[in-house]
C-alpha atoms as a PDB file:
ATOM      1  CA  UNK A   1     -34.537-123.326-134.502  1.00  0.00           C
ATOM      2  CA  UNK A   2     -33.320-120.276-136.436  1.00  0.00           C
ATOM      3  CA  UNK A   3     -35.869-118.099-134.618  1.00  0.00           C
ATOM      4  CA  UNK A   4     -34.598-119.314-131.209  1.00  0.00           C
ATOM      5  CA  UNK A   5     -31.005-118.544-132.168  1.00  0.00           C
ATOM      6  CA  UNK A   6     -31.961-115.107-133.304  1.00  0.00           C
ATOM      7  CA  UNK A   7     -33.690-114.360-129.907  1.00  0.00           C
ATOM      8  CA  UNK A   8     -30.657-115.606-128.022  1.00  0.00           C
ATOM      9  CA  UNK A   9     -28.342-113.301-130.076  1.00  0.00           C
ATOM     10  CA  UNK A  10     -30.499-110.232-129.391  1.00  0.00           C
ATOM     11  CA  UNK A  11     -30.506-111.000-125.657  1.00  0.00           C
ATOM     12  CA  UNK A  12     -26.603-111.219-125.633  1.00  0.00           C
ATOM     13  CA  UNK A  13     -26.227-107.973-127.471  1.00  0.00           C
ATOM     14  CA  UNK A  14     -28.634-106.259-125.149  1.00  0.00           C
ATOM     15  CA  UNK A  15     -26.770-107.580-122.024  1.00  0.00           C
ATOM     16  CA  UNK A  16     -23.430-106.549-123.514  1.00  0.00           C
ATOM     17  CA  UNK A  17     -24.718-103.004-124.105  1.00  0.00           C
ATOM     18  CA  UNK A  18     -25.915-102.781-120.535  1.00  0.00           C
ATOM     19  CA  UNK A  19     -22.519-103.894-119.215  1.00  0.00           C
ATOM     20  CA  UNK A  20     -20.662-101.387-121.474  1.00  0.00           C
ATOM     21  CA  UNK A  21     -22.719 -98.383-120.199  1.00  0.00           C
ATOM     22  CA  UNK A  22     -22.257 -99.193-116.534  1.00  0.00           C
ATOM     23  CA  UNK A  23     -18.394 -98.471-116.361  1.00  0.00           C
ATOM     24  CA  UNK A  24     -18.892 -95.224-118.272  1.00  0.00           C
ATOM     25  CA  UNK A  25     -21.520 -94.146-115.791  1.00  0.00           C
ATOM     26  CA  UNK A  26     -19.128 -95.032-112.979  1.00  0.00           C
ATOM     27  CA  UNK A  27     -16.382 -92.950-114.648  1.00  0.00           C
ATOM     28  CA  UNK A  28     -18.663 -89.998-114.879  1.00  0.00           C
ATOM     29  CA  UNK A  29     -19.453 -90.226-111.150  1.00  0.00           C
ATOM     30  CA  UNK A  30     -15.890 -90.795-110.015  1.00  0.00           C
ATOM     31  CA  UNK A  31     -14.672 -88.017-107.861  1.00  0.00           C
ATOM     32  CA  UNK A  32     -11.205 -86.493-108.096  1.00  0.00           C
ATOM     33  CA  UNK A  33      -9.317 -86.441-104.724  1.00  0.00           C
ATOM     34  CA  UNK A  34      -8.029 -82.981-103.752  1.00  0.00           C
ATOM     35  CA  UNK A  35      -6.522 -81.114-100.863  1.00  0.00           C
ATOM     36  CA  UNK A  36      -7.617 -77.684 -99.742  1.00  0.00           C
ATOM     37  CA  UNK A  37      -6.077 -74.885 -97.726  1.00  0.00           C
ATOM     38  CA  UNK A  38      -7.349 -71.653 -96.255  1.00  0.00           C
ATOM     39  CA  UNK A  39      -6.366 -68.491 -98.062  1.00  0.00           C
ATOM     40  CA  UNK A  40      -4.218 -65.897 -96.302  1.00  0.00           C
ATOM     41  CA  UNK A  41      -4.627 -62.104 -96.340  1.00  0.00           C
ATOM     42  CA  UNK A  42      -1.504 -60.115 -95.408  1.00  0.00           C
ATOM     43  CA  UNK A  43      -0.296 -56.564 -95.499  1.00  0.00           C
ATOM     44  CA  UNK A  44       2.681 -56.430 -97.868  1.00  0.00           C
ATOM     45  CA  UNK A  45       4.557 -54.001-100.024  1.00  0.00           C
ATOM     46  CA  UNK A  46       4.785 -54.406-103.757  1.00  0.00           C
ATOM     47  CA  UNK A  47       8.477 -55.034-104.389  1.00  0.00           C
ATOM     48  CA  UNK A  48      10.638 -53.009-106.824  1.00  0.00           C
ATOM     49  CA  UNK A  49      13.343 -54.765-108.760  1.00  0.00           C
ATOM     50  CA  UNK A  50      16.434 -53.223-110.233  1.00  0.00           C
ATOM     51  CA  UNK A  51      20.074 -53.623-111.213  1.00  0.00           C
ATOM     52  CA  UNK A  52      22.973 -51.495-110.119  1.00  0.00           C
ATOM     53  CA  UNK A  53      26.757 -51.224-109.624  1.00  0.00           C
ATOM     54  CA  UNK A  54      28.495 -51.819-106.334  1.00  0.00           C
ATOM     55  CA  UNK A  55      30.937 -49.188-105.011  1.00  0.00           C
ATOM     56  CA  UNK A  56      32.752 -48.323-101.840  1.00  0.00           C
ATOM     57  CA  UNK A  57      30.694 -46.143 -99.499  1.00  0.00           C
ATOM     58  CA  UNK A  58      33.369 -43.470 -99.521  1.00  0.00           C
ATOM     59  CA  UNK A  59      34.927 -42.937-102.875  1.00  0.00           C
ATOM     60  CA  UNK A  60      36.950 -39.906-103.947  1.00  0.00           C
ATOM     61  CA  UNK A  61      39.105 -38.738-106.853  1.00  0.00           C
ATOM     62  CA  UNK A  62      42.601 -37.746-105.809  1.00  0.00           C
ATOM     63  CA  UNK A  63      44.250 -35.027-107.895  1.00  0.00           C
ATOM     64  CA  UNK A  64      47.016 -32.393-107.924  1.00  0.00           C
ATOM     65  CA  UNK A  65      46.078 -28.833-106.931  1.00  0.00           C
ATOM     66  CA  UNK A  66      48.061 -27.493-109.847  1.00  0.00           C
ATOM     67  CA  UNK A  67      48.872 -28.670-113.336  1.00  0.00           C
ATOM     68  CA  UNK A  68      52.216 -30.133-114.449  1.00  0.00           C
ATOM     69  CA  UNK A  69      54.078 -33.204-115.638  1.00  0.00           C
ATOM     70  CA  UNK A  70      53.553 -36.407-113.651  1.00  0.00           C
ATOM     71  CA  UNK A  71      56.816 -37.553-112.185  1.00  0.00           C
ATOM     72  CA  UNK A  72      56.052 -40.410-109.860  1.00  0.00           C
ATOM     73  CA  UNK A  73      53.214 -42.855-109.533  1.00  0.00           C
ATOM     74  CA  UNK A  74      54.065 -44.934-106.487  1.00  0.00           C
ATOM     75  CA  UNK A  75      50.998 -47.213-106.206  1.00  0.00           C
ATOM     76  CA  UNK A  76      48.911 -49.229-108.594  1.00  0.00           C
ATOM     77  CA  UNK A  77      45.214 -50.397-108.817  1.00  0.00           C
ATOM     78  CA  UNK A  78      44.271 -52.729-106.035  1.00  0.00           C
ATOM     79  CA  UNK A  79      46.989 -51.506-103.608  1.00  0.00           C
ATOM     80  CA  UNK A  80      46.108 -50.955 -99.949  1.00  0.00           C
ATOM     81  CA  UNK A  81      47.399 -47.614 -98.661  1.00  0.00           C
ATOM     82  CA  UNK A  82      47.547 -45.915 -95.349  1.00  0.00           C
ATOM     83  CA  UNK A  83      46.921 -42.386 -94.124  1.00  0.00           C
ATOM     84  CA  UNK A  84      49.689 -39.948 -95.154  1.00  0.00           C
ATOM     85  CA  UNK A  85      51.328 -42.327 -97.586  1.00  0.00           C
ATOM     86  CA  UNK A  86      52.881 -40.572-100.677  1.00  0.00           C
ATOM     87  CA  UNK A  87      51.033 -41.739-103.796  1.00  0.00           C
ATOM     88  CA  UNK A  88      52.241 -39.513-106.607  1.00  0.00           C
ATOM     89  CA  UNK A  89      54.208 -36.317-107.406  1.00  0.00           C
ATOM     90  CA  UNK A  90      54.804 -33.853-110.176  1.00  0.00           C
ATOM     91  CA  UNK A  91      58.094 -32.681-111.656  1.00  0.00           C
ATOM     92  CA  UNK A  92      59.146 -29.776-109.377  1.00  0.00           C
ATOM     93  CA  UNK A  93      61.579 -27.867-111.517  1.00  0.00           C
ATOM     94  CA  UNK A  94      59.164 -25.129-112.606  1.00  0.00           C
ATOM     95  CA  UNK A  95      57.178 -25.162-109.377  1.00  0.00           C
ATOM     96  CA  UNK A  96      60.265 -24.738-107.216  1.00  0.00           C
ATOM     97  CA  UNK A  97      61.498 -22.005-109.504  1.00  0.00           C
ATOM     98  CA  UNK A  98      58.268 -20.087-109.055  1.00  0.00           C
ATOM     99  CA  UNK A  99      58.399 -20.546-105.291  1.00  0.00           C
ATOM    100  CA  UNK A 100      61.999 -19.187-105.285  1.00  0.00           C
ATOM    101  CA  UNK A 101      60.955 -16.234-107.428  1.00  0.00           C
ATOM    102  CA  UNK A 102      58.113 -15.439-105.035  1.00  0.00           C
ATOM    103  CA  UNK A 103      60.409 -15.744-102.008  1.00  0.00           C
ATOM    104  CA  UNK A 104      62.931 -13.259-103.528  1.00  0.00           C
ATOM    105  CA  UNK A 105      60.109 -10.898-104.341  1.00  0.00           C
ATOM    106  CA  UNK A 106      58.880 -10.963-100.825  1.00  0.00           C
ATOM    107  CA  UNK A 107      62.387 -10.359 -99.435  1.00  0.00           C
ATOM    108  CA  UNK A 108      62.799  -7.287-101.713  1.00  0.00           C
ATOM    109  CA  UNK A 109      59.358  -5.928-100.823  1.00  0.00           C
ATOM    110  CA  UNK A 110      60.246  -6.365 -97.068  1.00  0.00           C
ATOM    111  CA  UNK A 111      63.452  -4.393 -97.515  1.00  0.00           C
ATOM    112  CA  UNK A 112      61.577  -1.618 -99.411  1.00  0.00           C
ATOM    113  CA  UNK A 113      59.008  -1.306 -96.693  1.00  0.00           C
ATOM    114  CA  UNK A 114      61.677  -1.130 -93.893  1.00  0.00           C
ATOM    115  CA  UNK A 115      63.473   1.592 -95.913  1.00  0.00           C
ATOM    116  CA  UNK A 116      60.308   3.588 -96.470  1.00  0.00           C
ATOM    117  CA  UNK A 117      59.350   3.369 -92.806  1.00  0.00           C
ATOM    118  CA  UNK A 118      62.780   4.732 -91.682  1.00  0.00           C
ATOM    119  CA  UNK A 119      62.599   7.531 -94.204  1.00  0.00           C
ATOM    120  CA  UNK A 120      59.136   8.374 -93.054  1.00  0.00           C
ATOM    121  CA  UNK A 121      60.380   8.523 -89.504  1.00  0.00           C
ATOM    122  CA  UNK A 122      63.026  11.029 -90.622  1.00  0.00           C
ATOM    123  CA  UNK A 123      60.371  13.017 -92.572  1.00  0.00           C
ATOM    124  CA  UNK A 124      62.059  12.200 -95.813  1.00  0.00           C
ATOM    125  CA  UNK A 125      59.425   9.970 -97.277  1.00  0.00           C
ATOM    126  CA  UNK A 126      55.747  10.693 -97.205  1.00  0.00           C
ATOM    127  CA  UNK A 127      53.029   8.670 -95.483  1.00  0.00           C
ATOM    128  CA  UNK A 128      51.648   7.584 -98.912  1.00  0.00           C
ATOM    129  CA  UNK A 129      55.069   6.205 -99.882  1.00  0.00           C
ATOM    130  CA  UNK A 130      55.378   4.138 -96.716  1.00  0.00           C
ATOM    131  CA  UNK A 131      51.843   2.830 -97.151  1.00  0.00           C
ATOM    132  CA  UNK A 132      52.549   1.862-100.757  1.00  0.00           C
ATOM    133  CA  UNK A 133      55.655  -0.046 -99.679  1.00  0.00           C
ATOM    134  CA  UNK A 134      53.745  -1.841 -96.949  1.00  0.00           C
ATOM    135  CA  UNK A 135      51.053  -2.903 -99.442  1.00  0.00           C
ATOM    136  CA  UNK A 136      53.709  -4.176-101.822  1.00  0.00           C
ATOM    137  CA  UNK A 137      55.184  -6.227 -99.044  1.00  0.00           C
ATOM    138  CA  UNK A 138      51.835  -7.798 -98.184  1.00  0.00           C
ATOM    139  CA  UNK A 139      51.153  -8.628-101.857  1.00  0.00           C
ATOM    140  CA  UNK A 140      54.553 -10.267-102.200  1.00  0.00           C
ATOM    141  CA  UNK A 141      53.937 -12.286 -98.970  1.00  0.00           C
ATOM    142  CA  UNK A 142      50.605 -13.583-100.351  1.00  0.00           C
ATOM    143  CA  UNK A 143      52.287 -14.517-103.578  1.00  0.00           C
ATOM    144  CA  UNK A 144      54.950 -16.423-101.647  1.00  0.00           C
ATOM    145  CA  UNK A 145      52.336 -18.282 -99.641  1.00  0.00           C
ATOM    146  CA  UNK A 146      50.520 -19.273-102.793  1.00  0.00           C
ATOM    147  CA  UNK A 147      53.767 -20.569-104.361  1.00  0.00           C
ATOM    148  CA  UNK A 148      54.640 -22.549-101.292  1.00  0.00           C
ATOM    149  CA  UNK A 149      51.175 -23.954-101.087  1.00  0.00           C
ATOM    150  CA  UNK A 150      51.302 -25.088-104.711  1.00  0.00           C
ATOM    151  CA  UNK A 151      54.754 -26.629-104.053  1.00  0.00           C
ATOM    152  CA  UNK A 152      53.341 -28.496-101.052  1.00  0.00           C
ATOM    153  CA  UNK A 153      50.417 -29.821-103.081  1.00  0.00           C
ATOM    154  CA  UNK A 154      52.530 -30.923-106.068  1.00  0.00           C
ATOM    155  CA  UNK A 155      52.191 -34.356-104.540  1.00  0.00           C
ATOM    156  CA  UNK A 156      49.278 -36.618-103.548  1.00  0.00           C
ATOM    157  CA  UNK A 157      49.161 -38.327-100.143  1.00  0.00           C
ATOM    158  CA  UNK A 158      46.517 -40.740 -98.977  1.00  0.00           C
ATOM    159  CA  UNK A 159      43.826 -38.964 -96.906  1.00  0.00           C
ATOM    160  CA  UNK A 160      42.735 -42.150 -95.151  1.00  0.00           C
ATOM    161  CA  UNK A 161      43.494 -45.864 -94.894  1.00  0.00           C
ATOM    162  CA  UNK A 162      41.957 -47.374 -97.964  1.00  0.00           C
ATOM    163  CA  UNK A 163      42.422 -48.790-101.411  1.00  0.00           C
ATOM    164  CA  UNK A 164      43.372 -47.609-104.788  1.00  0.00           C
ATOM    165  CA  UNK A 165      40.449 -48.535-107.010  1.00  0.00           C
ATOM    166  CA  UNK A 166      41.698 -47.185-110.348  1.00  0.00           C
ATOM    167  CA  UNK A 167      44.724 -45.279-111.688  1.00  0.00           C
ATOM    168  CA  UNK A 168      43.704 -42.797-114.385  1.00  0.00           C
ATOM    169  CA  UNK A 169      47.070 -41.370-115.580  1.00  0.00           C
ATOM    170  CA  UNK A 170      50.590 -42.550-116.490  1.00  0.00           C
ATOM    171  CA  UNK A 171      54.015 -41.129-115.845  1.00  0.00           C
ATOM    172  CA  UNK A 172      55.272 -38.102-117.946  1.00  0.00           C
ATOM    173  CA  UNK A 173      51.662 -37.146-118.793  1.00  0.00           C
ATOM    174  CA  UNK A 174      50.851 -33.421-118.738  1.00  0.00           C
ATOM    175  CA  UNK A 175      47.700 -32.952-116.682  1.00  0.00           C
ATOM    176  CA  UNK A 176      45.740 -29.922-115.583  1.00  0.00           C
ATOM    177  CA  UNK A 177      44.921 -28.725-112.114  1.00  0.00           C
ATOM    178  CA  UNK A 178      42.239 -30.891-110.462  1.00  0.00           C
ATOM    179  CA  UNK A 179      42.409 -33.676-113.122  1.00  0.00           C
ATOM    180  CA  UNK A 180      41.859 -36.994-111.291  1.00  0.00           C
ATOM    181  CA  UNK A 181      44.889 -39.289-110.874  1.00  0.00           C
ATOM    182  CA  UNK A 182      43.485 -42.069-108.624  1.00  0.00           C
ATOM    183  CA  UNK A 183      40.047 -43.203-107.698  1.00  0.00           C
ATOM    184  CA  UNK A 184      40.349 -43.874-104.010  1.00  0.00           C
ATOM    185  CA  UNK A 185      38.032 -45.883-101.754  1.00  0.00           C
ATOM    186  CA  UNK A 186      38.092 -45.670 -98.013  1.00  0.00           C
ATOM    187  CA  UNK A 187      36.030 -47.700 -95.528  1.00  0.00           C
ATOM    188  CA  UNK A 188      36.118 -50.931 -97.626  1.00  0.00           C
ATOM    189  CA  UNK A 189      33.873 -52.725 -95.167  1.00  0.00           C
ATOM    190  CA  UNK A 190      31.061 -50.318 -96.126  1.00  0.00           C
ATOM    191  CA  UNK A 191      29.453 -50.808 -99.497  1.00  0.00           C
ATOM    192  CA  UNK A 192      26.714 -49.011-101.394  1.00  0.00           C
ATOM    193  CA  UNK A 193      24.642 -50.008-104.382  1.00  0.00           C
ATOM    194  CA  UNK A 194      23.397 -47.304-106.748  1.00  0.00           C
ATOM    195  CA  UNK A 195      20.255 -48.095-108.754  1.00  0.00           C
ATOM    196  CA  UNK A 196      18.268 -46.041-111.152  1.00  0.00           C
ATOM    197  CA  UNK A 197      14.436 -46.111-110.649  1.00  0.00           C
ATOM    198  CA  UNK A 198      11.567 -44.718-112.646  1.00  0.00           C
ATOM    199  CA  UNK A 199       9.415 -41.812-111.350  1.00  0.00           C
ATOM    200  CA  UNK A 200       6.550 -44.226-110.522  1.00  0.00           C
ATOM    201  CA  UNK A 201       8.814 -46.448-108.416  1.00  0.00           C
ATOM    202  CA  UNK A 202      10.885 -43.699-106.627  1.00  0.00           C
ATOM    203  CA  UNK A 203       7.869 -41.987-105.192  1.00  0.00           C
ATOM    204  CA  UNK A 204       7.046 -45.187-103.270  1.00  0.00           C
ATOM    205  CA  UNK A 205      10.564 -45.258-101.621  1.00  0.00           C
ATOM    206  CA  UNK A 206      11.570 -43.738 -98.309  1.00  0.00           C
ATOM    207  CA  UNK A 207      14.949 -43.584 -96.553  1.00  0.00           C
ATOM    208  CA  UNK A 208      15.619 -46.808 -94.527  1.00  0.00           C
ATOM    209  CA  UNK A 209      13.370 -49.039 -96.722  1.00  0.00           C
ATOM    210  CA  UNK A 210      14.790 -52.520 -96.852  1.00  0.00           C
ATOM    211  CA  UNK A 211      16.078 -54.494 -99.769  1.00  0.00           C
ATOM    212  CA  UNK A 212      17.534 -57.856-100.646  1.00  0.00           C
ATOM    213  CA  UNK A 213      20.687 -57.699-102.850  1.00  0.00           C
ATOM    214  CA  UNK A 214      22.216 -60.483-104.942  1.00  0.00           C
ATOM    215  CA  UNK A 215      25.723 -60.174-106.392  1.00  0.00           C
ATOM    216  CA  UNK A 216      26.360 -61.974-109.680  1.00  0.00           C
ATOM    217  CA  UNK A 217      29.730 -63.428-108.381  1.00  0.00           C
ATOM    218  CA  UNK A 218      27.947 -64.974-105.408  1.00  0.00           C
ATOM    219  CA  UNK A 219      24.755 -66.410-106.956  1.00  0.00           C
ATOM    220  CA  UNK A 220      23.894 -68.538-103.881  1.00  0.00           C
ATOM    221  CA  UNK A 221      24.109 -65.731-101.359  1.00  0.00           C
ATOM    222  CA  UNK A 222      21.777 -62.809-100.581  1.00  0.00           C
ATOM    223  CA  UNK A 223      22.637 -59.605 -98.720  1.00  0.00           C
ATOM    224  CA  UNK A 224      20.429 -57.096 -96.884  1.00  0.00           C
ATOM    225  CA  UNK A 225      20.490 -53.323 -97.508  1.00  0.00           C
ATOM    226  CA  UNK A 226      18.571 -50.202 -96.766  1.00  0.00           C
ATOM    227  CA  UNK A 227      17.966 -46.998 -98.659  1.00  0.00           C
ATOM    228  CA  UNK A 228      20.461 -44.260 -97.667  1.00  0.00           C
ATOM    229  CA  UNK A 229      19.900 -41.549-100.233  1.00  0.00           C
ATOM    230  CA  UNK A 230      17.272 -40.733-102.851  1.00  0.00           C
ATOM    231  CA  UNK A 231      18.067 -38.335-105.648  1.00  0.00           C
ATOM    232  CA  UNK A 232      15.910 -35.199-105.941  1.00  0.00           C
ATOM    233  CA  UNK A 233      16.327 -34.923-109.716  1.00  0.00           C
ATOM    234  CA  UNK A 234      16.674 -37.532-112.509  1.00  0.00           C
ATOM    235  CA  UNK A 235      19.816 -38.346-114.345  1.00  0.00           C
ATOM    236  CA  UNK A 236      19.883 -36.195-117.496  1.00  0.00           C
ATOM    237  CA  UNK A 237      21.045 -39.078-119.627  1.00  0.00           C
ATOM    238  CA  UNK A 238      18.828 -41.925-118.446  1.00  0.00           C
ATOM    239  CA  UNK A 239      15.859 -40.021-116.964  1.00  0.00           C
ATOM    240  CA  UNK A 240      16.034 -42.322-113.895  1.00  0.00           C
ATOM    241  CA  UNK A 241      16.272 -41.240-110.281  1.00  0.00           C
ATOM    242  CA  UNK A 242      19.382 -42.690-108.497  1.00  0.00           C
ATOM    243  CA  UNK A 243      18.722 -44.459-105.211  1.00  0.00           C
ATOM    244  CA  UNK A 244      21.701 -45.381-103.002  1.00  0.00           C
ATOM    245  CA  UNK A 245      21.374 -48.419-100.799  1.00  0.00           C
ATOM    246  CA  UNK A 246      23.861 -49.159 -98.017  1.00  0.00           C
ATOM    247  CA  UNK A 247      24.672 -52.850 -97.592  1.00  0.00           C
ATOM    248  CA  UNK A 248      24.730 -54.307 -94.122  1.00  0.00           C
ATOM    249  CA  UNK A 249      28.130 -55.716 -93.073  1.00  0.00           C
ATOM    250  CA  UNK A 250      29.155 -58.744 -95.219  1.00  0.00           C
ATOM    251  CA  UNK A 251      31.703 -61.529 -94.722  1.00  0.00           C
ATOM    252  CA  UNK A 252      32.697 -61.978 -98.343  1.00  0.00           C
ATOM    253  CA  UNK A 253      35.147 -60.169-100.575  1.00  0.00           C
ATOM    254  CA  UNK A 254      33.526 -57.439-102.631  1.00  0.00           C
ATOM    255  CA  UNK A 255      34.927 -55.035-105.231  1.00  0.00           C
ATOM    256  CA  UNK A 256      33.895 -51.770-106.852  1.00  0.00           C
ATOM    257  CA  UNK A 257      32.064 -52.392-110.133  1.00  0.00           C
ATOM    258  CA  UNK A 258      30.323 -55.692-109.248  1.00  0.00           C
ATOM    259  CA  UNK A 259      26.944 -55.994-110.938  1.00  0.00           C
ATOM    260  CA  UNK A 260      24.099 -56.528-108.508  1.00  0.00           C
ATOM    261  CA  UNK A 261      20.417 -57.196-108.612  1.00  0.00           C
ATOM    262  CA  UNK A 262      18.157 -55.968-105.840  1.00  0.00           C
ATOM    263  CA  UNK A 263      14.535 -56.354-104.764  1.00  0.00           C
ATOM    264  CA  UNK A 264      13.364 -53.308-102.789  1.00  0.00           C
ATOM    265  CA  UNK A 265      10.419 -53.450-100.357  1.00  0.00           C
ATOM    266  CA  UNK A 266       8.922 -49.969 -99.925  1.00  0.00           C
ATOM    267  CA  UNK A 267       7.381 -48.984 -96.611  1.00  0.00           C
ATOM    268  CA  UNK A 268       3.879 -48.389 -98.139  1.00  0.00           C
ATOM    269  CA  UNK A 269       1.901 -51.504 -97.702  1.00  0.00           C
ATOM    270  CA  UNK A 270      -1.291 -52.968 -99.187  1.00  0.00           C
ATOM    271  CA  UNK A 271      -3.410 -55.980 -98.083  1.00  0.00           C
ATOM    272  CA  UNK A 272      -2.932 -58.810-100.609  1.00  0.00           C
ATOM    273  CA  UNK A 273      -4.483 -62.303-100.839  1.00  0.00           C
ATOM    274  CA  UNK A 274      -1.769 -64.980-100.617  1.00  0.00           C
ATOM    275  CA  UNK A 275      -2.205 -68.433-102.093  1.00  0.00           C
ATOM    276  CA  UNK A 276       0.204 -71.323-102.494  1.00  0.00           C
ATOM    277  CA  UNK A 277       1.985 -71.534-105.865  1.00  0.00           C
ATOM    278  CA  UNK A 278       0.652 -75.026-106.448  1.00  0.00           C
ATOM    279  CA  UNK A 279      -2.993 -73.826-106.375  1.00  0.00           C
ATOM    280  CA  UNK A 280      -2.538 -71.554-109.369  1.00  0.00           C
ATOM    281  CA  UNK A 281      -3.303 -73.022-112.789  1.00  0.00           C
ATOM    282  CA  UNK A 282      -3.279 -71.690-116.379  1.00  0.00           C
ATOM    283  CA  UNK A 283      -0.974 -68.858-115.304  1.00  0.00           C
ATOM    284  CA  UNK A 284      -0.344 -66.358-118.170  1.00  0.00           C
ATOM    285  CA  UNK A 285       1.476 -63.026-117.639  1.00  0.00           C
ATOM    286  CA  UNK A 286      -0.372 -61.428-114.709  1.00  0.00           C
ATOM    287  CA  UNK A 287      -3.514 -63.635-114.731  1.00  0.00           C
ATOM    288  CA  UNK A 288      -4.436 -67.190-113.803  1.00  0.00           C
ATOM    289  CA  UNK A 289      -7.072 -69.385-112.282  1.00  0.00           C
ATOM    290  CA  UNK A 290      -7.728 -71.089-108.962  1.00  0.00           C
ATOM    291  CA  UNK A 291     -10.406 -73.564-107.841  1.00  0.00           C
ATOM    292  CA  UNK A 292     -12.585 -73.669-104.789  1.00  0.00           C
ATOM    293  CA  UNK A 293     -15.105 -76.252-103.576  1.00  0.00           C
ATOM    294  CA  UNK A 294     -18.826 -75.676-103.998  1.00  0.00           C
ATOM    295  CA  UNK A 295     -21.387 -78.461-103.416  1.00  0.00           C
ATOM    296  CA  UNK A 296     -18.628 -81.106-103.823  1.00  0.00           C
ATOM    297  CA  UNK A 297     -17.703 -79.655-107.163  1.00  0.00           C
ATOM    298  CA  UNK A 298     -14.720 -77.600-108.337  1.00  0.00           C
ATOM    299  CA  UNK A 299     -15.596 -73.962-109.027  1.00  0.00           C
ATOM    300  CA  UNK A 300     -13.134 -72.025-111.229  1.00  0.00           C
ATOM    301  CA  UNK A 301     -12.204 -68.442-110.273  1.00  0.00           C
ATOM    302  CA  UNK A 302     -10.091 -66.225-112.549  1.00  0.00           C
ATOM    303  CA  UNK A 303      -7.598 -64.081-110.654  1.00  0.00           C
ATOM    304  CA  UNK A 304      -5.075 -61.271-111.254  1.00  0.00           C
ATOM    305  CA  UNK A 305      -1.472 -61.745-110.009  1.00  0.00           C
ATOM    306  CA  UNK A 306       0.232 -58.961-108.281  1.00  0.00           C
ATOM    307  CA  UNK A 307       3.695 -60.523-107.630  1.00  0.00           C
ATOM    308  CA  UNK A 308       5.434 -63.695-106.433  1.00  0.00           C
ATOM    309  CA  UNK A 309       6.272 -63.722-102.738  1.00  0.00           C
ATOM    310  CA  UNK A 310       8.588 -66.749-102.072  1.00  0.00           C
ATOM    311  CA  UNK A 311       6.523 -70.015-102.586  1.00  0.00           C
ATOM    312  CA  UNK A 312       3.242 -67.986-102.515  1.00  0.00           C
ATOM    313  CA  UNK A 313       1.506 -65.809-105.042  1.00  0.00           C
ATOM    314  CA  UNK A 314       0.060 -62.414-104.051  1.00  0.00           C
ATOM    315  CA  UNK A 315      -3.259 -61.686-105.795  1.00  0.00           C
ATOM    316  CA  UNK A 316      -4.803 -58.322-106.616  1.00  0.00           C
ATOM    317  CA  UNK A 317      -8.233 -59.884-105.983  1.00  0.00           C
ATOM    318  CA  UNK A 318      -9.597 -59.670-102.426  1.00  0.00           C
ATOM    319  CA  UNK A 319     -11.639 -62.993-102.705  1.00  0.00           C
ATOM    320  CA  UNK A 320     -13.813 -61.725 -99.859  1.00  0.00           C
ATOM    321  CA  UNK A 321     -16.374 -64.553-100.187  1.00  0.00           C
ATOM    322  CA  UNK A 322     -13.813 -67.375-100.508  1.00  0.00           C
ATOM    323  CA  UNK A 323     -12.277 -69.056 -97.492  1.00  0.00           C
ATOM    324  CA  UNK A 324     -10.598 -72.179 -98.932  1.00  0.00           C
ATOM    325  CA  UNK A 325      -9.036 -73.096-102.279  1.00  0.00           C
ATOM    326  CA  UNK A 326      -7.844 -76.302-103.824  1.00  0.00           C
ATOM    327  CA  UNK A 327      -4.115 -76.978-103.817  1.00  0.00           C
ATOM    328  CA  UNK A 328      -3.072 -80.492-104.659  1.00  0.00           C
ATOM    329  CA  UNK A 329      -5.119 -81.796-107.580  1.00  0.00           C
ATOM    330  CA  UNK A 330      -5.960 -78.346-109.050  1.00  0.00           C
ATOM    331  CA  UNK A 331      -4.108 -79.006-112.256  1.00  0.00           C
ATOM    332  CA  UNK A 332      -6.485 -81.965-113.085  1.00  0.00           C
ATOM    333  CA  UNK A 333      -9.684 -80.065-112.572  1.00  0.00           C
ATOM    334  CA  UNK A 334     -12.121 -78.180-114.767  1.00  0.00           C
ATOM    335  CA  UNK A 335     -15.118 -76.151-113.802  1.00  0.00           C
ATOM    336  CA  UNK A 336     -17.805 -78.433-112.324  1.00  0.00           C
ATOM    337  CA  UNK A 337     -15.513 -81.480-111.782  1.00  0.00           C
ATOM    338  CA  UNK A 338     -16.774 -83.681-108.866  1.00  0.00           C
ATOM    339  CA  UNK A 339     -14.153 -83.621-106.090  1.00  0.00           C
ATOM    340  CA  UNK A 340     -13.494 -85.396-102.840  1.00  0.00           C
ATOM    341  CA  UNK A 341     -11.643 -83.554-100.200  1.00  0.00           C
ATOM    342  CA  UNK A 342      -8.915 -85.655 -98.521  1.00  0.00           C
ATOM    343  CA  UNK A 343      -7.364 -84.813 -95.125  1.00  0.00           C
ATOM    344  CA  UNK A 344      -3.711 -84.086 -94.629  1.00  0.00           C
END
């Protein structure tokens, strides 16, 4: 009886072992469902990123032609001004006195010349004396013109319709000739972005290359721009080459000094392999992995990333012998995993 029970127990254990192995074998043979897509090869330009400061397309520093004491400052920062509007003036006491002195000197020199000419006609004065008197009159006339010109330019008027971007002095300050009083911007509908680029990036740029610009104060909007100017020499402080981009017309309010980020697309182009973002796994810095299908199994392929282009990744690898790659399900795979391709 004991022997029979022992035999029955061995049979039960054996059957249980057979049943336990069968699901494991099924799990090993189970295929992972995946979707595939054809890879795309496209001629693209490697974008250049940078940050810059927005400014009016036409900015100028307005100043007095001569030095003196500031008397009037008639506008403030942010004011809109029109052509010919008086913006500032100097105290005129000394300037007017010099103009009066020059006028008196010219009148005296004119009388001296007239007298010398009459005396020369009567053979009393020599030709040299008359010529010296004429020269003295001409010098006095030039000095008068200079004094009157300085008097006329002892004030600042707006050269165009525009906006006062910044006021740089205060009343009663003593300033020198040419010292800027206002930063003036005309053509406020035209804006430029100035960005510093390295030598390796600037050599890839050409006038009229396109760019996408984002302004920090409008995070949800993008603006288009094109290269207008490229500096021929680097900035001595930063060592970067300044590239000026002109923004296309915008319908939002912009101001000088706004910080902007841009992505520039140079005209030189290279053929890149484009894959969907979802197909890239184990991405690390500029490398990652993708999977293709070979004999109903997943085959892992290491790749080098060039840049991100929207929802796609541009690869440096040509992948010449690969036509399709796995998209959905790629993150669950390892090299050699059995796969089943499902249709869309």
